[in-house]
């Protein structure tokens, strides 16, 4: 059985930092791209580049075919009932803003409640703040326990008859903990609420079936799924996709007169302007690549790496790891701090050893305050990482204490 996938990723094979091998542990921010995806985008530009849905000539028709085939591929990938439920966006942020700024603005009334978790990325928090203020709605929070989990008691106590929208991440981008999405959706629907799922950190690591989940909206980004930047997905149940458009322009109209316009139905209504065809092509290729490996295998590799990394870090008495969930209830996103060391200093020192991690608040200020910290270091793993990568990380962490004169190893 194959154990090392890094050879599929040209950047990992050819890039060096400070004369040392790159140990890339910032996969929660963006993943590297396999050769197959890079080749698919190159082939598109060399052979098929044209504006889709515009021309009656063969090149434009081919670009349209590739774009719409990618939509069909995404629909099948997440178990959607129809490609008509798939809208291409720039990424998760745009997808969530579209739901909040259009659907939320249209259905919410004064006194209604929007429920999110304290661990949300700002992309799934600030739009709801804006909508709540504009509509006179109330923004409420689910709070994590001391281990970073959303408990059943917290969910049951806060989803009420006033709750209209529940917007929550499938996986925390800070703690890596998998939230009890099935329970949240069940409780929300019983209360008559709609669920918006941020799957940006979940879908790279686990299979998602939107019909089995019975989720109303789902958003994710291609660039965290081994696809190019600038392409994202918004899934909306067909009966919910009859929203007004956000962007006005070419390609999303049926007819325009001097004073009025009528719009198309389905995803085209939300895709005004020239779309990111090469991004859709790359996303199609990335899905093919992932499914060829299989989520079962990806889960096995990543779980083993995560447990190994947690064991190494937890064995260091001066390292604090945040989020105590283990096993299959978490992904390889690991936030930690080193006693006496600022996360930015840690990241800078590690980079001298070729180790790339993230440091800061991770676009989650409220969660940082809830945890009582200003910032953390974040190492995020995926299936192309290795135990050797983790060993280099651990050895470099030891050097941090030496460089900052914080005491012996």
Protein backbone atom coordinates (compact mmCIF):
# COMPACT_ATOMS: atom_id res chain seq x y z
CA UNK A 1 0.00 0.00 0.00
CA UNK A 2 1.30 3.43 -0.93
CA UNK A 3 2.62 5.44 2.02
CA UNK A 4 4.24 8.57 0.52
CA UNK A 5 2.25 10.92 -1.69
CA UNK A 6 4.60 13.92 -1.67
CA UNK A 7 6.14 12.94 -5.01
CA UNK A 8 2.82 13.89 -6.67
CA UNK A 9 3.35 17.52 -5.65
CA UNK A 10 6.06 19.34 -7.65
CA UNK A 11 6.51 22.19 -5.17
CA UNK A 12 7.23 19.78 -2.33
CA UNK A 13 9.73 17.95 -4.46
CA UNK A 14 11.61 20.92 -5.84
CA UNK A 15 11.34 23.74 -3.30
CA UNK A 16 13.93 24.44 -0.65
CA UNK A 17 14.14 27.09 2.05
CA UNK A 18 17.42 28.20 3.60
CA UNK A 19 19.11 25.25 1.93
CA UNK A 20 16.84 22.81 3.71
CA UNK A 21 13.94 20.66 2.56
CA UNK A 22 10.59 22.42 2.80
CA UNK A 23 8.40 20.92 5.52
CA UNK A 24 5.02 22.34 4.60
CA UNK A 25 2.64 22.29 7.58
CA UNK A 26 0.24 25.07 6.61
CA UNK A 27 -2.33 22.98 4.77
CA UNK A 28 -5.27 24.55 6.61
CA UNK A 29 -4.37 27.83 4.89
CA UNK A 30 -3.90 26.30 1.45
CA UNK A 31 -2.78 22.96 0.07
CA UNK A 32 -0.14 22.32 -2.55
CA UNK A 33 -1.29 21.16 -5.97
CA UNK A 34 -0.60 17.73 -7.48
CA UNK A 35 0.95 17.47 -10.92
CA UNK A 36 -2.36 16.25 -12.32
CA UNK A 37 -4.10 19.50 -11.37
CA UNK A 38 -1.28 21.66 -12.69
CA UNK A 39 -1.34 19.71 -15.95
CA UNK A 40 -5.12 20.07 -16.28
CA UNK A 41 -4.90 23.86 -15.95
CA UNK A 42 -1.95 24.02 -18.38
CA UNK A 43 -3.82 21.89 -20.90
CA UNK A 44 -6.88 24.11 -20.62
CA UNK A 45 -4.90 27.25 -21.41
CA UNK A 46 -2.97 25.62 -24.22
CA UNK A 47 -5.93 23.97 -25.94
CA UNK A 48 -9.35 25.21 -24.76
CA UNK A 49 -9.17 28.77 -23.44
CA UNK A 50 -12.23 30.82 -24.43
CA UNK A 51 -15.12 32.65 -22.80
CA UNK A 52 -17.83 30.12 -21.85
CA UNK A 53 -21.53 30.55 -22.54
CA UNK A 54 -20.78 33.30 -25.04
CA UNK A 55 -19.64 32.00 -28.40
CA UNK A 56 -21.15 29.63 -30.95
CA UNK A 57 -17.71 28.64 -32.18
CA UNK A 58 -16.08 25.33 -31.16
CA UNK A 59 -13.50 26.74 -28.74
CA UNK A 60 -16.12 28.58 -26.69
CA UNK A 61 -18.36 25.54 -26.78
CA UNK A 62 -15.50 23.40 -25.44
CA UNK A 63 -14.82 25.89 -22.61
CA UNK A 64 -18.53 25.80 -21.74
CA UNK A 65 -18.49 22.00 -21.77
CA UNK A 66 -15.49 21.85 -19.43
CA UNK A 67 -17.03 24.39 -17.06
CA UNK A 68 -20.41 22.66 -16.87
CA UNK A 69 -18.81 19.20 -16.64
CA UNK A 70 -16.89 20.47 -13.60
CA UNK A 71 -20.20 21.57 -12.06
CA UNK A 72 -21.59 18.07 -12.62
CA UNK A 73 -18.45 16.57 -11.09
CA UNK A 74 -18.78 18.73 -7.97
CA UNK A 75 -22.47 17.82 -7.64
CA UNK A 76 -21.62 14.12 -7.72
CA UNK A 77 -18.67 14.62 -5.36
CA UNK A 78 -20.82 16.08 -2.57
CA UNK A 79 -23.95 14.08 -3.30
CA UNK A 80 -26.08 16.98 -4.54
CA UNK A 81 -29.39 16.17 -6.16
CA UNK A 82 -28.60 18.19 -9.27
CA UNK A 83 -25.82 20.33 -10.82
CA UNK A 84 -28.38 23.14 -10.66
CA UNK A 85 -27.69 23.26 -6.90
CA UNK A 86 -24.01 24.12 -7.44
CA UNK A 87 -22.84 27.73 -7.73
CA UNK A 88 -19.20 28.49 -8.53
CA UNK A 89 -17.71 31.35 -6.48
CA UNK A 90 -14.24 32.65 -5.65
CA UNK A 91 -14.16 30.60 -2.47
CA UNK A 92 -15.78 29.90 0.88
CA UNK A 93 -15.76 33.56 1.89
CA UNK A 94 -17.73 34.67 -1.14
CA UNK A 95 -20.12 31.72 -0.78
CA UNK A 96 -20.91 32.56 2.84
CA UNK A 97 -21.28 36.24 2.07
CA UNK A 98 -23.72 35.37 -0.70
CA UNK A 99 -25.91 33.35 1.67
CA UNK A 100 -25.77 35.96 4.42
CA UNK A 101 -26.11 39.01 2.22
CA UNK A 102 -28.93 37.69 0.06
CA UNK A 103 -30.78 34.83 1.75
CA UNK A 104 -30.21 36.12 5.28
CA UNK A 105 -31.17 39.67 4.39
CA UNK A 106 -34.35 38.49 2.68
CA UNK A 107 -35.73 36.09 5.30
CA UNK A 108 -34.67 37.55 8.63
CA UNK A 109 -36.92 39.86 10.59
CA UNK A 110 -36.46 41.90 13.72
CA UNK A 111 -36.08 39.64 16.75
CA UNK A 112 -35.04 36.55 14.76
CA UNK A 113 -31.91 34.75 15.93
CA UNK A 114 -28.81 33.72 14.03
CA UNK A 115 -26.75 31.07 15.80
CA UNK A 116 -23.06 30.50 15.12
CA UNK A 117 -20.22 28.99 17.15
CA UNK A 118 -17.56 30.95 19.01
CA UNK A 119 -14.97 29.05 16.95
CA UNK A 120 -16.09 30.38 13.55
CA UNK A 121 -13.65 31.80 11.04
CA UNK A 122 -14.30 35.50 10.49
CA UNK A 123 -15.74 34.62 7.07
CA UNK A 124 -18.63 32.88 8.82
CA UNK A 125 -18.96 35.49 11.54
CA UNK A 126 -18.62 39.04 10.20
CA UNK A 127 -21.27 38.60 7.45
CA UNK A 128 -23.78 37.50 10.09
CA UNK A 129 -22.86 40.46 12.30
CA UNK A 130 -23.64 42.76 9.39
CA UNK A 131 -26.94 41.04 8.60
CA UNK A 132 -28.02 41.03 12.25
CA UNK A 133 -27.39 44.76 12.55
CA UNK A 134 -29.17 45.53 9.29
CA UNK A 135 -32.25 43.44 10.09
CA UNK A 136 -32.52 43.94 13.83
CA UNK A 137 -31.85 40.23 14.39
CA UNK A 138 -29.90 38.80 17.30
CA UNK A 139 -26.56 37.05 16.78
CA UNK A 140 -26.02 34.31 19.38
CA UNK A 141 -23.19 31.86 19.98
CA UNK A 142 -22.55 28.23 20.77
CA UNK A 143 -19.59 28.06 23.15
CA UNK A 144 -17.01 25.29 23.16
CA UNK A 145 -16.11 23.47 26.37
CA UNK A 146 -12.63 23.35 27.91
CA UNK A 147 -11.62 20.74 25.33
CA UNK A 148 -12.80 22.79 22.37
CA UNK A 149 -15.95 20.73 21.75
CA UNK A 150 -19.53 21.76 21.11
CA UNK A 151 -21.53 19.61 23.51
CA UNK A 152 -25.02 18.24 22.95
CA UNK A 153 -26.20 20.22 25.97
CA UNK A 154 -24.92 23.47 24.48
CA UNK A 155 -26.58 22.73 21.15
CA UNK A 156 -29.92 21.76 22.71
CA UNK A 157 -29.98 24.81 24.97
CA UNK A 158 -29.33 27.36 22.24
CA UNK A 159 -31.33 26.19 19.21
CA UNK A 160 -34.78 27.56 19.97
CA UNK A 161 -38.01 28.53 18.23
CA UNK A 162 -36.47 31.96 17.58
CA UNK A 163 -33.52 30.47 15.69
CA UNK A 164 -33.85 31.07 11.96
CA UNK A 165 -30.32 30.38 10.72
CA UNK A 166 -27.53 28.21 12.16
CA UNK A 167 -24.15 28.83 10.52
CA UNK A 168 -21.31 26.61 11.68
CA UNK A 169 -18.03 25.12 10.51
CA UNK A 170 -17.74 21.41 9.92
CA UNK A 171 -14.21 21.49 11.36
CA UNK A 172 -12.54 24.24 13.39
CA UNK A 173 -9.69 25.90 11.50
CA UNK A 174 -7.95 26.51 14.84
CA UNK A 175 -8.54 23.31 16.82
CA UNK A 176 -9.12 20.75 14.08
CA UNK A 177 -12.09 19.35 16.01
CA UNK A 178 -14.94 17.88 13.96
CA UNK A 179 -18.21 19.41 15.09
CA UNK A 180 -21.36 17.26 15.61
CA UNK A 181 -22.92 18.51 12.39
CA UNK A 182 -25.58 15.80 12.18
CA UNK A 183 -26.91 16.69 15.63
CA UNK A 184 -26.85 20.42 14.84
CA UNK A 185 -28.76 19.96 11.57
CA UNK A 186 -31.34 17.70 13.23
CA UNK A 187 -32.00 20.14 16.07
CA UNK A 188 -32.05 23.14 13.73
CA UNK A 189 -34.57 21.57 11.38
CA UNK A 190 -36.78 20.53 14.27
CA UNK A 191 -36.85 24.20 15.26
CA UNK A 192 -37.61 25.29 11.69
CA UNK A 193 -34.15 26.80 11.14
CA UNK A 194 -31.90 26.64 8.08
CA UNK A 195 -28.30 25.38 8.37
CA UNK A 196 -25.33 26.95 6.59
CA UNK A 197 -22.27 24.67 6.72
CA UNK A 198 -18.72 25.96 6.25
CA UNK A 199 -16.98 22.84 4.94
CA UNK A 200 -13.69 24.51 4.00
CA UNK A 201 -11.72 22.61 6.66
CA UNK A 202 -13.76 19.42 6.51
CA UNK A 203 -14.08 18.40 2.89
CA UNK A 204 -10.32 17.98 2.28
CA UNK A 205 -10.31 15.25 4.94
CA UNK A 206 -13.67 13.48 4.85
CA UNK A 207 -16.46 12.56 2.47
CA UNK A 208 -19.42 14.93 2.49
CA UNK A 209 -22.90 13.92 1.34
CA UNK A 210 -25.20 16.94 1.41
CA UNK A 211 -28.36 14.89 0.95
CA UNK A 212 -27.47 12.46 3.72
CA UNK A 213 -26.67 15.42 5.99
CA UNK A 214 -29.82 17.21 4.84
CA UNK A 215 -27.89 20.48 4.99
CA UNK A 216 -29.43 23.57 3.42
CA UNK A 217 -26.31 25.43 2.29
CA UNK A 218 -22.69 24.26 2.11
CA UNK A 219 -19.56 26.20 1.15
CA UNK A 220 -15.98 25.20 0.43
CA UNK A 221 -12.86 26.45 -1.34
CA UNK A 222 -10.93 24.71 -4.09
CA UNK A 223 -7.52 25.87 -2.89
CA UNK A 224 -7.83 23.90 0.36
CA UNK A 225 -8.83 20.85 -1.70
CA UNK A 226 -5.64 20.64 -3.83
CA UNK A 227 -7.26 22.76 -6.57
CA UNK A 228 -6.33 26.27 -7.79
CA UNK A 229 -7.03 29.44 -5.88
CA UNK A 230 -9.97 31.58 -6.93
CA UNK A 231 -12.54 28.80 -7.29
CA UNK A 232 -15.09 27.88 -4.67
CA UNK A 233 -18.47 26.21 -4.33
CA UNK A 234 -21.80 27.10 -2.83
CA UNK A 235 -24.32 24.28 -2.60
CA UNK A 236 -27.95 25.27 -2.05
CA UNK A 237 -30.98 23.04 -1.89
CA UNK A 238 -32.96 23.54 -5.05
CA UNK A 239 -35.96 25.09 -3.31
CA UNK A 240 -33.63 27.55 -1.58
CA UNK A 241 -31.64 28.59 -4.62
CA UNK A 242 -34.43 30.87 -5.87
CA UNK A 243 -32.67 33.84 -4.34
CA UNK A 244 -32.09 37.18 -5.95
CA UNK A 245 -28.61 37.64 -7.47
CA UNK A 246 -25.72 39.37 -5.73
CA UNK A 247 -23.65 40.42 -8.76
CA UNK A 248 -25.25 41.98 -11.81
CA UNK A 249 -23.72 41.73 -15.25
CA UNK A 250 -23.37 39.54 -18.28
CA UNK A 251 -24.43 35.93 -18.39
CA UNK A 252 -27.04 36.05 -15.62
CA UNK A 253 -29.93 37.73 -17.46
CA UNK A 254 -32.82 36.56 -19.58
CA UNK A 255 -33.71 39.99 -20.89
CA UNK A 256 -32.73 43.61 -20.30
CA UNK A 257 -34.74 46.67 -21.25
CA UNK A 258 -33.88 50.28 -20.60
CA UNK A 259 -35.44 50.24 -17.15
CA UNK A 260 -35.79 46.59 -16.09
CA UNK A 261 -34.07 43.22 -16.27
CA UNK A 262 -35.11 39.61 -15.75
CA UNK A 263 -32.72 36.94 -14.59
CA UNK A 264 -32.00 33.34 -15.39
CA UNK A 265 -32.83 30.53 -13.01
CA UNK A 266 -30.30 28.24 -11.38
CA UNK A 267 -26.62 28.84 -10.75
CA UNK A 268 -26.05 31.18 -13.71
CA UNK A 269 -28.03 33.84 -11.82
CA UNK A 270 -25.19 34.02 -9.28
CA UNK A 271 -22.31 33.80 -11.75
CA UNK A 272 -22.40 37.16 -13.50
CA UNK A 273 -19.31 38.06 -15.52
CA UNK A 274 -16.58 35.89 -16.99
CA UNK A 275 -16.06 32.89 -14.75
CA UNK A 276 -12.93 31.08 -13.58
CA UNK A 277 -13.07 28.22 -16.07
CA UNK A 278 -9.48 27.12 -15.45
CA UNK A 279 -10.24 27.01 -11.72
CA UNK A 280 -13.26 24.79 -12.33
CA UNK A 281 -11.14 22.55 -14.57
CA UNK A 282 -8.51 22.35 -11.84
CA UNK A 283 -11.15 21.57 -9.21
CA UNK A 284 -12.49 18.75 -11.38
CA UNK A 285 -8.97 17.32 -11.65
CA UNK A 286 -8.37 17.67 -7.90
CA UNK A 287 -11.57 15.75 -7.13
CA UNK A 288 -10.49 13.00 -9.53
CA UNK A 289 -7.12 12.86 -7.80
CA UNK A 290 -8.61 12.64 -4.31
CA UNK A 291 -11.17 10.02 -5.21
CA UNK A 292 -8.47 7.93 -6.87
CA UNK A 293 -6.70 7.78 -3.49
CA UNK A 294 -9.98 7.46 -1.60
CA UNK A 295 -11.16 9.17 1.56
CA UNK A 296 -10.75 5.96 3.54
CA UNK A 297 -7.05 5.87 2.74
CA UNK A 298 -6.67 9.62 3.29
CA UNK A 299 -8.29 9.25 6.70
CA UNK A 300 -5.97 6.39 7.67
CA UNK A 301 -2.84 8.31 6.72
CA UNK A 302 -3.92 11.59 8.29
CA UNK A 303 -5.15 10.01 11.52
CA UNK A 304 -1.85 8.19 12.00
CA UNK A 305 0.10 11.38 11.35
CA UNK A 306 -2.12 13.40 13.68
CA UNK A 307 -1.76 10.95 16.56
CA UNK A 308 2.00 10.86 16.02
CA UNK A 309 2.22 14.66 16.02
CA UNK A 310 0.04 14.99 19.13
CA UNK A 311 2.18 12.45 20.95
CA UNK A 312 5.38 14.32 20.05
CA UNK A 313 4.04 17.72 21.08
CA UNK A 314 2.29 16.53 24.24
CA UNK A 315 5.53 14.91 25.40
CA UNK A 316 7.16 18.35 25.63
CA UNK A 317 6.37 19.90 29.03
CA UNK A 318 6.74 23.46 27.72
CA UNK A 319 4.25 22.97 24.86
CA UNK A 320 0.51 23.55 25.31
CA UNK A 321 -1.77 21.95 22.72
CA UNK A 322 -5.27 23.42 22.37
CA UNK A 323 -8.25 21.18 21.74
CA UNK A 324 -8.05 17.83 23.49
CA UNK A 325 -10.17 15.76 21.11
CA UNK A 326 -8.38 12.75 19.63
CA UNK A 327 -9.03 9.95 17.19
CA UNK A 328 -11.45 10.41 14.31
CA UNK A 329 -13.14 13.40 15.96
CA UNK A 330 -10.39 15.70 14.77
CA UNK A 331 -8.26 16.46 11.73
CA UNK A 332 -4.58 17.29 11.56
CA UNK A 333 -5.01 20.95 12.50
CA UNK A 334 -3.01 21.37 15.71
CA UNK A 335 -2.74 24.69 17.54
CA UNK A 336 -0.11 25.03 20.22
CA UNK A 337 2.05 27.48 22.14
CA UNK A 338 5.51 27.29 23.65
CA UNK A 339 5.92 28.68 27.17
CA UNK A 340 7.57 32.10 27.04
CA UNK A 341 7.63 32.33 23.24
CA UNK A 342 5.41 34.47 21.04
CA UNK A 343 3.89 32.47 18.16
CA UNK A 344 5.32 34.86 15.56
CA UNK A 345 8.82 34.29 16.96
CA UNK A 346 8.23 30.55 16.91
CA UNK A 347 7.12 30.64 13.27
CA UNK A 348 10.14 32.72 12.25
CA UNK A 349 12.60 30.43 14.01
CA UNK A 350 10.97 27.31 12.55
CA UNK A 351 11.16 28.78 9.07
CA UNK A 352 14.95 28.80 9.36
CA UNK A 353 14.70 25.01 9.44
CA UNK A 354 12.42 24.99 6.40
CA UNK A 355 9.31 24.38 8.54
CA UNK A 356 6.24 26.31 7.38
CA UNK A 357 3.52 26.77 10.00
CA UNK A 358 0.97 29.52 10.65
CA UNK A 359 1.02 31.87 13.65
CA UNK A 360 -1.48 34.43 14.86
CA UNK A 361 -5.21 34.53 15.56
CA UNK A 362 -6.14 32.46 12.45
CA UNK A 363 -9.08 34.75 11.63
CA UNK A 364 -10.78 33.64 14.84
CA UNK A 365 -10.49 36.51 17.34
CA UNK A 366 -13.52 35.51 19.43
CA UNK A 367 -12.21 31.96 19.85
CA UNK A 368 -8.79 33.26 20.92
CA UNK A 369 -10.43 35.37 23.62
CA UNK A 370 -12.62 32.44 24.66
CA UNK A 371 -9.48 30.30 25.08
CA UNK A 372 -7.67 33.10 26.94
CA UNK A 373 -4.82 33.52 24.45
CA UNK A 374 -3.82 36.24 22.00
CA UNK A 375 -2.46 33.92 19.33
CA UNK A 376 -1.26 30.37 18.70
CA UNK A 377 1.07 28.45 16.45
CA UNK A 378 -0.77 26.17 14.02
CA UNK A 379 0.65 23.14 12.28
CA UNK A 380 -1.82 21.56 9.86
CA UNK A 381 -1.23 18.17 8.31
CA UNK A 382 -2.54 16.39 5.25
CA UNK A 383 -1.93 13.03 3.61
CA UNK A 384 1.22 14.10 1.73
CA UNK A 385 2.99 14.89 4.99
CA UNK A 386 5.17 12.29 6.70
CA UNK A 387 6.35 11.35 10.16
CA UNK A 388 9.73 12.75 9.14
CA UNK A 389 8.04 16.14 8.69
CA UNK A 390 6.69 15.92 12.23
CA UNK A 391 10.10 14.92 13.59
CA UNK A 392 11.64 17.99 11.95
CA UNK A 393 8.90 20.14 13.50
CA UNK A 394 9.55 18.70 16.96
CA UNK A 395 13.32 19.13 16.66
CA UNK A 396 12.88 22.69 15.50
CA UNK A 397 10.57 23.46 18.44
CA UNK A 398 13.39 22.39 20.74
CA UNK A 399 15.64 24.92 19.00
CA UNK A 400 13.13 27.69 19.73
CA UNK A 401 13.87 27.43 23.42
CA UNK A 402 17.59 27.54 22.76
CA UNK A 403 17.38 30.55 20.46
CA UNK A 404 15.15 32.49 22.86
CA UNK A 405 17.24 31.33 25.85
CA UNK A 406 14.22 29.83 27.58
CA UNK A 407 16.07 26.95 29.19
CA UNK A 408 17.12 23.43 28.36
CA UNK A 409 15.24 21.08 26.07
